[in-house]
Protein backbone atom coordinates (compact mmCIF):
# COMPACT_ATOMS: atom_id res chain seq x y z
CA MET A 1 -38.65 -77.09 40.23
CA LEU A 2 -38.65 -78.84 44.41
CA THR A 3 -38.01 -76.42 46.93
CA ILE A 4 -37.10 -77.47 50.62
CA ASP A 5 -37.12 -73.68 52.08
CA GLY A 6 -38.04 -73.93 55.87
CA LEU A 7 -38.83 -77.24 55.95
CA VAL A 8 -36.31 -78.22 58.88
CA THR A 9 -36.69 -74.29 60.54
CA GLY A 10 -40.04 -73.07 59.71
CA ILE A 11 -38.90 -70.09 57.66
CA ASP A 12 -40.19 -69.08 54.45
CA SER A 13 -35.85 -68.10 53.42
CA THR A 14 -37.04 -67.78 49.27
CA SER A 15 -38.70 -64.52 50.98
CA VAL A 16 -36.51 -63.45 53.75
CA ILE A 17 -33.52 -63.32 50.60
CA GLU A 18 -36.00 -61.24 48.65
CA GLY A 19 -36.43 -58.86 51.13
CA LEU A 20 -32.78 -58.67 51.53
CA LEU A 21 -32.67 -58.02 47.43
CA GLU A 22 -35.00 -55.26 47.41
CA ILE A 23 -33.62 -53.31 50.41
CA GLN A 24 -30.06 -53.63 48.70
CA GLN A 25 -31.52 -52.49 45.21
CA ARG A 26 -33.48 -49.32 46.63
CA GLN A 27 -29.96 -48.50 48.24
CA ILE A 28 -28.10 -48.83 45.19
CA ASP A 29 -31.01 -46.50 43.83
CA ASN A 30 -30.90 -44.38 46.51
CA PHE A 31 -26.76 -44.41 45.70
CA ASN A 32 -27.26 -43.37 41.89
CA ALA A 33 -29.73 -40.59 42.90
CA ARG A 34 -27.64 -38.56 45.17
CA LYS A 35 -24.90 -39.51 42.50
CA THR A 36 -26.36 -38.02 39.17
CA SER A 37 -27.61 -35.33 41.31
CA VAL A 38 -23.44 -34.88 42.38
CA VAL A 39 -22.94 -35.10 39.02
CA GLU A 40 -25.85 -31.94 37.76
CA LYS A 41 -24.40 -29.45 40.43
CA GLN A 42 -20.67 -30.68 39.59
CA THR A 43 -21.97 -29.69 35.63
CA SER A 44 -23.64 -25.95 36.69
CA PHE A 45 -20.78 -25.28 38.56
CA SER A 46 -17.98 -26.38 35.94
CA GLY A 47 -20.44 -24.00 33.75
CA ILE A 48 -19.90 -20.96 36.38
CA GLU A 49 -16.62 -21.34 36.73
CA ALA A 50 -15.92 -21.14 32.72
CA ARG A 51 -18.50 -17.63 32.61
CA LEU A 52 -16.34 -16.26 35.24
CA ILE A 53 -12.47 -17.49 33.97
CA GLY A 54 -14.30 -15.80 30.29
CA LEU A 55 -15.29 -12.35 32.34
CA ARG A 56 -12.04 -12.52 34.12
CA GLY A 57 -10.28 -12.54 30.32
CA ASN A 58 -12.04 -9.83 29.04
CA SER A 59 -11.81 -7.60 31.74
CA ALA A 60 -8.10 -7.72 31.80
CA VAL A 61 -8.85 -6.41 28.21
CA LEU A 62 -10.18 -2.86 29.43
CA PRO A 63 -8.38 0.16 30.08
CA ALA A 64 -6.76 0.14 33.96
CA ARG A 65 -6.76 3.95 34.62
CA ARG A 66 -10.13 4.76 32.96
CA PRO A 67 -12.16 6.25 36.43
CA ALA A 68 -15.23 5.41 37.17
CA PRO A 69 -17.83 7.96 37.74
CA PHE A 70 -18.76 6.07 41.03
CA LEU A 71 -15.48 6.75 42.03
CA ILE A 72 -15.05 10.38 41.67
CA ASN A 73 -14.62 12.79 44.91
CA ARG A 74 -18.02 13.94 45.75
CA SER A 75 -16.97 14.85 49.36
CA PRO A 76 -18.84 18.32 50.42
CA ARG A 77 -15.24 19.79 50.37
CA ALA A 78 -14.47 18.46 47.23
CA MET A 79 -17.55 19.76 45.82
CA LYS A 80 -16.96 23.48 47.17
CA THR A 81 -14.18 23.39 44.95
CA CYS A 82 -15.54 23.30 41.81
């Protein structure tokens, strides 16, 4: 194929265009890499959210008025009355 790139100006326009296309493709690749990273993080957070919702649902089934050992009054005054 006959081309007349830079015949008048002396500029190799084919190389300039190819360089610009390479830069644009790198920008697209970087964007896609960031997009993939964000999607992976969203998936992770969705999994954590689902587990927390399940935990909340399971904890609602537990008895509400069951005293935990660490909640018992252990002040010095309470110890003297034992």
